[in-house]
Amino acid sequence: MILLLEIVYFILNILWWVILIQALASWLIAFNVINSDNDFIRKLLYTLDQITEPLYRPIRKILPDFGAIDLSPAVVLMVILIVNRFVIPHLITHIYMMPFHGFMYGDV
């Protein structure tokens, strides 16, 4: 069970960085620092969009439209932060504190 929680923690950390890289790349394109006509940049953005769009889509349905500002990445980052900082450590401490219900020394 703890291994499963650690895997979830690791995947959420990777997802955190994917979202940050995607946001940074979109800002760099918006300010003409990098060119989206570059094949590598185009493939990178496409890959990042394929990873993050399923996460953003339900949040965009709930959030009101703010025009050019998309707050769905910020919401996903907050959820990842809450899960990684509070939920997973809380679950791990409860798993470690669970009583052992297996073989006891006096049960022979």
N, C-alpha and C. Protein backbone atom coordinates (compact mmCIF):
# COMPACT_ATOMS: atom_id res chain seq x y z
N MET A 1 0.82 -1.20 0.00
CA MET A 1 0.00 0.00 0.00
C MET A 1 0.86 1.26 0.00
N ILE A 2 1.93 1.21 0.80
CA ILE A 2 2.82 2.38 0.85
C ILE A 2 3.54 2.56 -0.48
N LEU A 3 3.90 1.44 -1.10
CA LEU A 3 4.54 1.53 -2.42
C LEU A 3 3.60 2.19 -3.43
N LEU A 4 2.34 1.85 -3.37
CA LEU A 4 1.36 2.46 -4.27
C LEU A 4 1.26 3.97 -4.03
N LEU A 5 1.26 4.38 -2.76
CA LEU A 5 1.21 5.81 -2.44
C LEU A 5 2.48 6.52 -2.91
N GLU A 6 3.62 5.86 -2.79
CA GLU A 6 4.87 6.47 -3.26
C GLU A 6 4.88 6.60 -4.78
N ILE A 7 4.30 5.63 -5.48
CA ILE A 7 4.20 5.72 -6.94
C ILE A 7 3.29 6.88 -7.34
N VAL A 8 2.16 7.02 -6.65
CA VAL A 8 1.26 8.14 -6.92
C VAL A 8 1.96 9.46 -6.65
N TYR A 9 2.70 9.53 -5.55
CA TYR A 9 3.46 10.74 -5.21
C TYR A 9 4.46 11.07 -6.32
N PHE A 10 5.17 10.07 -6.82
CA PHE A 10 6.16 10.26 -7.87
C PHE A 10 5.50 10.73 -9.17
N ILE A 11 4.39 10.11 -9.54
CA ILE A 11 3.69 10.50 -10.77
C ILE A 11 3.16 11.92 -10.66
N LEU A 12 2.64 12.29 -9.49
CA LEU A 12 2.14 13.65 -9.31
C LEU A 12 3.27 14.67 -9.36
N ASN A 13 4.46 14.30 -8.86
CA ASN A 13 5.61 15.20 -8.98
C ASN A 13 6.01 15.40 -10.44
N ILE A 14 6.01 14.34 -11.21
CA ILE A 14 6.32 14.47 -12.64
C ILE A 14 5.27 15.34 -13.32
N LEU A 15 4.01 15.11 -12.98
CA LEU A 15 2.93 15.91 -13.57
C LEU A 15 3.06 17.38 -13.19
N TRP A 16 3.50 17.66 -11.97
CA TRP A 16 3.75 19.05 -11.52
C TRP A 16 4.74 19.72 -12.47
N TRP A 17 5.85 19.03 -12.76
CA TRP A 17 6.87 19.61 -13.62
C TRP A 17 6.40 19.73 -15.06
N VAL A 18 5.60 18.78 -15.52
CA VAL A 18 5.05 18.86 -16.88
C VAL A 18 4.19 20.11 -17.02
N ILE A 19 3.35 20.38 -16.03
CA ILE A 19 2.48 21.56 -16.08
C ILE A 19 3.31 22.84 -16.04
N LEU A 20 4.33 22.88 -15.20
CA LEU A 20 5.18 24.07 -15.14
C LEU A 20 5.94 24.30 -16.44
N ILE A 21 6.45 23.24 -17.04
CA ILE A 21 7.17 23.36 -18.31
C ILE A 21 6.21 23.82 -19.41
N GLN A 22 5.00 23.29 -19.41
CA GLN A 22 4.02 23.71 -20.41
C GLN A 22 3.67 25.19 -20.24
N ALA A 23 3.47 25.63 -19.02
CA ALA A 23 3.14 27.04 -18.78
C ALA A 23 4.30 27.94 -19.20
N LEU A 24 5.50 27.55 -18.84
CA LEU A 24 6.68 28.34 -19.21
C LEU A 24 6.84 28.40 -20.72
N ALA A 25 6.67 27.27 -21.39
CA ALA A 25 6.79 27.25 -22.85
C ALA A 25 5.72 28.11 -23.51
N SER A 26 4.51 28.08 -22.99
CA SER A 26 3.46 28.90 -23.60
C SER A 26 3.73 30.39 -23.39
N TRP A 27 4.29 30.76 -22.25
CA TRP A 27 4.65 32.16 -22.03
C TRP A 27 5.80 32.58 -22.94
N LEU A 28 6.78 31.70 -23.11
CA LEU A 28 7.91 32.03 -23.99
C LEU A 28 7.45 32.18 -25.43
N ILE A 29 6.49 31.39 -25.85
CA ILE A 29 5.94 31.54 -27.20
C ILE A 29 5.13 32.83 -27.30
N ALA A 30 4.35 33.13 -26.27
CA ALA A 30 3.52 34.35 -26.29
C ALA A 30 4.37 35.61 -26.36
N PHE A 31 5.54 35.59 -25.74
CA PHE A 31 6.43 36.76 -25.75
C PHE A 31 7.49 36.67 -26.84
N ASN A 32 7.33 35.75 -27.79
CA ASN A 32 8.22 35.57 -28.94
C ASN A 32 9.67 35.32 -28.54
N VAL A 33 9.86 34.62 -27.45
CA VAL A 33 11.22 34.23 -27.06
C VAL A 33 11.62 32.97 -27.81
N ILE A 34 10.68 32.04 -27.93
CA ILE A 34 10.91 30.85 -28.75
C ILE A 34 9.87 30.84 -29.85
N ASN A 35 10.19 30.15 -30.94
CA ASN A 35 9.34 30.14 -32.11
C ASN A 35 8.58 28.82 -32.17
N SER A 36 7.27 28.90 -32.28
CA SER A 36 6.46 27.68 -32.33
C SER A 36 6.54 26.98 -33.69
N ASP A 37 7.20 27.60 -34.66
CA ASP A 37 7.40 26.94 -35.95
C ASP A 37 8.52 25.91 -35.89
N ASN A 38 9.32 25.95 -34.84
CA ASN A 38 10.38 24.97 -34.65
C ASN A 38 9.74 23.60 -34.44
N ASP A 39 10.24 22.59 -35.15
CA ASP A 39 9.66 21.25 -35.10
C ASP A 39 9.73 20.66 -33.69
N PHE A 40 10.86 20.83 -33.02
CA PHE A 40 11.01 20.29 -31.66
C PHE A 40 10.03 20.94 -30.69
N ILE A 41 9.90 22.25 -30.77
CA ILE A 41 8.99 22.99 -29.88
C ILE A 41 7.55 22.57 -30.15
N ARG A 42 7.19 22.42 -31.41
CA ARG A 42 5.84 22.02 -31.76
C ARG A 42 5.52 20.63 -31.22
N LYS A 43 6.47 19.69 -31.37
CA LYS A 43 6.25 18.33 -30.86
C LYS A 43 6.21 18.31 -29.33
N LEU A 44 7.05 19.12 -28.70
CA LEU A 44 7.06 19.20 -27.24
C LEU A 44 5.72 19.73 -26.73
N LEU A 45 5.23 20.81 -27.32
CA LEU A 45 3.95 21.37 -26.89
C LEU A 45 2.80 20.42 -27.16
N TYR A 46 2.85 19.71 -28.27
CA TYR A 46 1.80 18.74 -28.57
C TYR A 46 1.78 17.62 -27.53
N THR A 47 2.97 17.13 -27.17
CA THR A 47 3.07 16.07 -26.17
C THR A 47 2.57 16.54 -24.81
N LEU A 48 2.99 17.74 -24.41
CA LEU A 48 2.54 18.29 -23.13
C LEU A 48 1.03 18.51 -23.12
N ASP A 49 0.48 18.96 -24.24
CA ASP A 49 -0.97 19.14 -24.33
C ASP A 49 -1.71 17.81 -24.22
N GLN A 50 -1.17 16.77 -24.83
CA GLN A 50 -1.80 15.46 -24.75
C GLN A 50 -1.81 14.92 -23.31
N ILE A 51 -0.79 15.27 -22.54
CA ILE A 51 -0.71 14.82 -21.15
C ILE A 51 -1.66 15.62 -20.26
N THR A 52 -1.70 16.92 -20.45
CA THR A 52 -2.42 17.78 -19.50
C THR A 52 -3.87 18.07 -19.87
N GLU A 53 -4.22 18.00 -21.11
CA GLU A 53 -5.58 18.37 -21.52
C GLU A 53 -6.67 17.53 -20.84
N PRO A 54 -6.49 16.22 -20.65
CA PRO A 54 -7.53 15.47 -19.92
C PRO A 54 -7.72 15.95 -18.48
N LEU A 55 -6.70 16.55 -17.90
CA LEU A 55 -6.83 17.09 -16.54
C LEU A 55 -7.51 18.45 -16.55
N TYR A 56 -7.21 19.25 -17.56
CA TYR A 56 -7.75 20.61 -17.63
C TYR A 56 -9.22 20.64 -18.04
N ARG A 57 -9.63 19.73 -18.90
CA ARG A 57 -10.97 19.78 -19.50
C ARG A 57 -12.09 19.82 -18.46
N PRO A 58 -12.12 18.92 -17.45
CA PRO A 58 -13.22 19.01 -16.48
C PRO A 58 -13.18 20.28 -15.64
N ILE A 59 -11.99 20.80 -15.39
CA ILE A 59 -11.87 22.03 -14.60
C ILE A 59 -12.35 23.22 -15.40
N ARG A 60 -12.07 23.23 -16.69
CA ARG A 60 -12.54 24.33 -17.55
C ARG A 60 -14.07 24.35 -17.65
N LYS A 61 -14.70 23.19 -17.51
CA LYS A 61 -16.17 23.15 -17.54
C LYS A 61 -16.75 23.80 -16.29
N ILE A 62 -16.03 23.70 -15.17
CA ILE A 62 -16.53 24.23 -13.90
C ILE A 62 -16.20 25.71 -13.74
N LEU A 63 -14.96 26.09 -14.08
CA LEU A 63 -14.53 27.48 -13.89
C LEU A 63 -15.20 28.41 -14.90
N PRO A 64 -15.50 29.62 -14.49
CA PRO A 64 -16.04 30.59 -15.46
C PRO A 64 -14.95 31.01 -16.44
N ASP A 65 -15.37 31.53 -17.58
CA ASP A 65 -14.43 31.96 -18.62
C ASP A 65 -13.84 33.32 -18.23
N PHE A 66 -12.51 33.37 -18.14
CA PHE A 66 -11.81 34.61 -17.80
C PHE A 66 -11.13 35.23 -19.02
N GLY A 67 -11.57 34.89 -20.19
CA GLY A 67 -10.98 35.44 -21.40
C GLY A 67 -9.69 34.72 -21.74
N ALA A 68 -8.61 35.47 -21.83
CA ALA A 68 -7.33 34.90 -22.23
C ALA A 68 -6.62 34.19 -21.08
N ILE A 69 -7.12 34.35 -19.87
CA ILE A 69 -6.47 33.74 -18.71
C ILE A 69 -7.08 32.37 -18.45
N ASP A 70 -6.24 31.35 -18.43
CA ASP A 70 -6.68 29.99 -18.15
C ASP A 70 -6.19 29.61 -16.75
N LEU A 71 -7.12 29.44 -15.83
CA LEU A 71 -6.75 29.12 -14.46
C LEU A 71 -6.74 27.62 -14.18
N SER A 72 -7.08 26.80 -15.16
CA SER A 72 -7.12 25.36 -14.91
C SER A 72 -5.76 24.78 -14.54
N PRO A 73 -4.62 25.23 -15.12
CA PRO A 73 -3.34 24.70 -14.64
C PRO A 73 -3.08 25.04 -13.17
N ALA A 74 -3.49 26.23 -12.74
CA ALA A 74 -3.29 26.61 -11.34
C ALA A 74 -4.13 25.74 -10.42
N VAL A 75 -5.34 25.40 -10.85
CA VAL A 75 -6.20 24.54 -10.04
C VAL A 75 -5.59 23.14 -9.94
N VAL A 76 -5.10 22.61 -11.06
CA VAL A 76 -4.48 21.29 -11.03
C VAL A 76 -3.23 21.31 -10.15
N LEU A 77 -2.44 22.37 -10.23
CA LEU A 77 -1.25 22.47 -9.38
C LEU A 77 -1.63 22.53 -7.90
N MET A 78 -2.71 23.23 -7.57
CA MET A 78 -3.15 23.27 -6.17
C MET A 78 -3.62 21.91 -5.69
N VAL A 79 -4.33 21.18 -6.54
CA VAL A 79 -4.78 19.84 -6.17
C VAL A 79 -3.58 18.92 -5.96
N ILE A 80 -2.61 18.98 -6.85
CA ILE A 80 -1.40 18.17 -6.70
C ILE A 80 -0.68 18.53 -5.41
N LEU A 81 -0.58 19.81 -5.12
CA LEU A 81 0.07 20.26 -3.89
C LEU A 81 -0.65 19.72 -2.66
N ILE A 82 -1.95 19.81 -2.63
CA ILE A 82 -2.72 19.32 -1.48
C ILE A 82 -2.55 17.81 -1.32
N VAL A 83 -2.64 17.08 -2.42
CA VAL A 83 -2.50 15.62 -2.34
C VAL A 83 -1.10 15.23 -1.89
N ASN A 84 -0.07 15.85 -2.47
CA ASN A 84 1.31 15.47 -2.12
C ASN A 84 1.73 15.93 -0.74
N ARG A 85 1.26 17.07 -0.30
CA ARG A 85 1.70 17.60 0.99
C ARG A 85 0.86 17.14 2.17
N PHE A 86 -0.41 16.85 1.94
CA PHE A 86 -1.30 16.55 3.06
C PHE A 86 -1.92 15.16 3.00
N VAL A 87 -2.50 14.80 1.87
CA VAL A 87 -3.26 13.55 1.79
C VAL A 87 -2.34 12.33 1.86
N ILE A 88 -1.32 12.27 1.00
CA ILE A 88 -0.44 11.11 0.98
C ILE A 88 0.32 10.95 2.29
N PRO A 89 0.95 11.98 2.86
CA PRO A 89 1.61 11.79 4.16
C PRO A 89 0.63 11.35 5.26
N HIS A 90 -0.59 11.88 5.24
CA HIS A 90 -1.59 11.49 6.23
C HIS A 90 -1.94 10.01 6.08
N LEU A 91 -2.12 9.55 4.86
CA LEU A 91 -2.43 8.13 4.63
C LEU A 91 -1.27 7.24 5.05
N ILE A 92 -0.05 7.67 4.76
CA ILE A 92 1.12 6.86 5.13
C ILE A 92 1.23 6.74 6.64
N THR A 93 1.02 7.83 7.38
CA THR A 93 1.10 7.73 8.84
C THR A 93 0.00 6.84 9.39
N HIS A 94 -1.18 6.85 8.80
CA HIS A 94 -2.24 5.96 9.27
C HIS A 94 -1.95 4.51 8.92
N ILE A 95 -1.32 4.26 7.81
CA ILE A 95 -0.96 2.88 7.46
C ILE A 95 0.07 2.35 8.44
N TYR A 96 1.07 3.16 8.80
CA TYR A 96 2.08 2.72 9.75
C TYR A 96 1.50 2.52 11.15
N MET A 97 0.44 3.22 11.50
CA MET A 97 -0.13 3.11 12.84
C MET A 97 -1.22 2.05 12.93
N MET A 98 -1.54 1.39 11.82
CA MET A 98 -2.56 0.34 11.85
C MET A 98 -2.06 -0.84 12.65
N PRO A 99 -2.91 -1.43 13.47
CA PRO A 99 -2.47 -2.61 14.23
C PRO A 99 -2.28 -3.80 13.30
N PHE A 100 -1.36 -4.65 13.67
CA PHE A 100 -1.08 -5.84 12.88
C PHE A 100 -2.08 -6.91 13.26
N HIS A 101 -2.82 -7.46 12.32
CA HIS A 101 -3.86 -8.44 12.60
C HIS A 101 -3.44 -9.84 12.18
N GLY A 102 -2.19 -10.06 12.05
CA GLY A 102 -1.71 -11.37 11.63
C GLY A 102 -1.33 -12.24 12.83
N PHE A 103 -0.33 -13.04 12.66
CA PHE A 103 0.14 -13.97 13.69
C PHE A 103 0.76 -13.20 14.85
N MET A 104 0.30 -13.49 16.06
CA MET A 104 0.87 -12.89 17.26
C MET A 104 1.62 -13.97 18.03
N TYR A 105 2.54 -13.57 18.89
CA TYR A 105 3.39 -14.53 19.59
C TYR A 105 2.61 -15.44 20.53
N GLY A 106 1.55 -14.98 21.11
CA GLY A 106 0.80 -15.82 22.05
C GLY A 106 -0.26 -16.68 21.38
N ASP A 107 -0.37 -16.65 20.06
CA ASP A 107 -1.44 -17.35 19.35
C ASP A 107 -1.06 -18.73 18.86
N VAL A 108 -0.05 -19.35 19.41
CA VAL A 108 0.42 -20.64 18.89
C VAL A 108 -0.52 -21.75 19.22
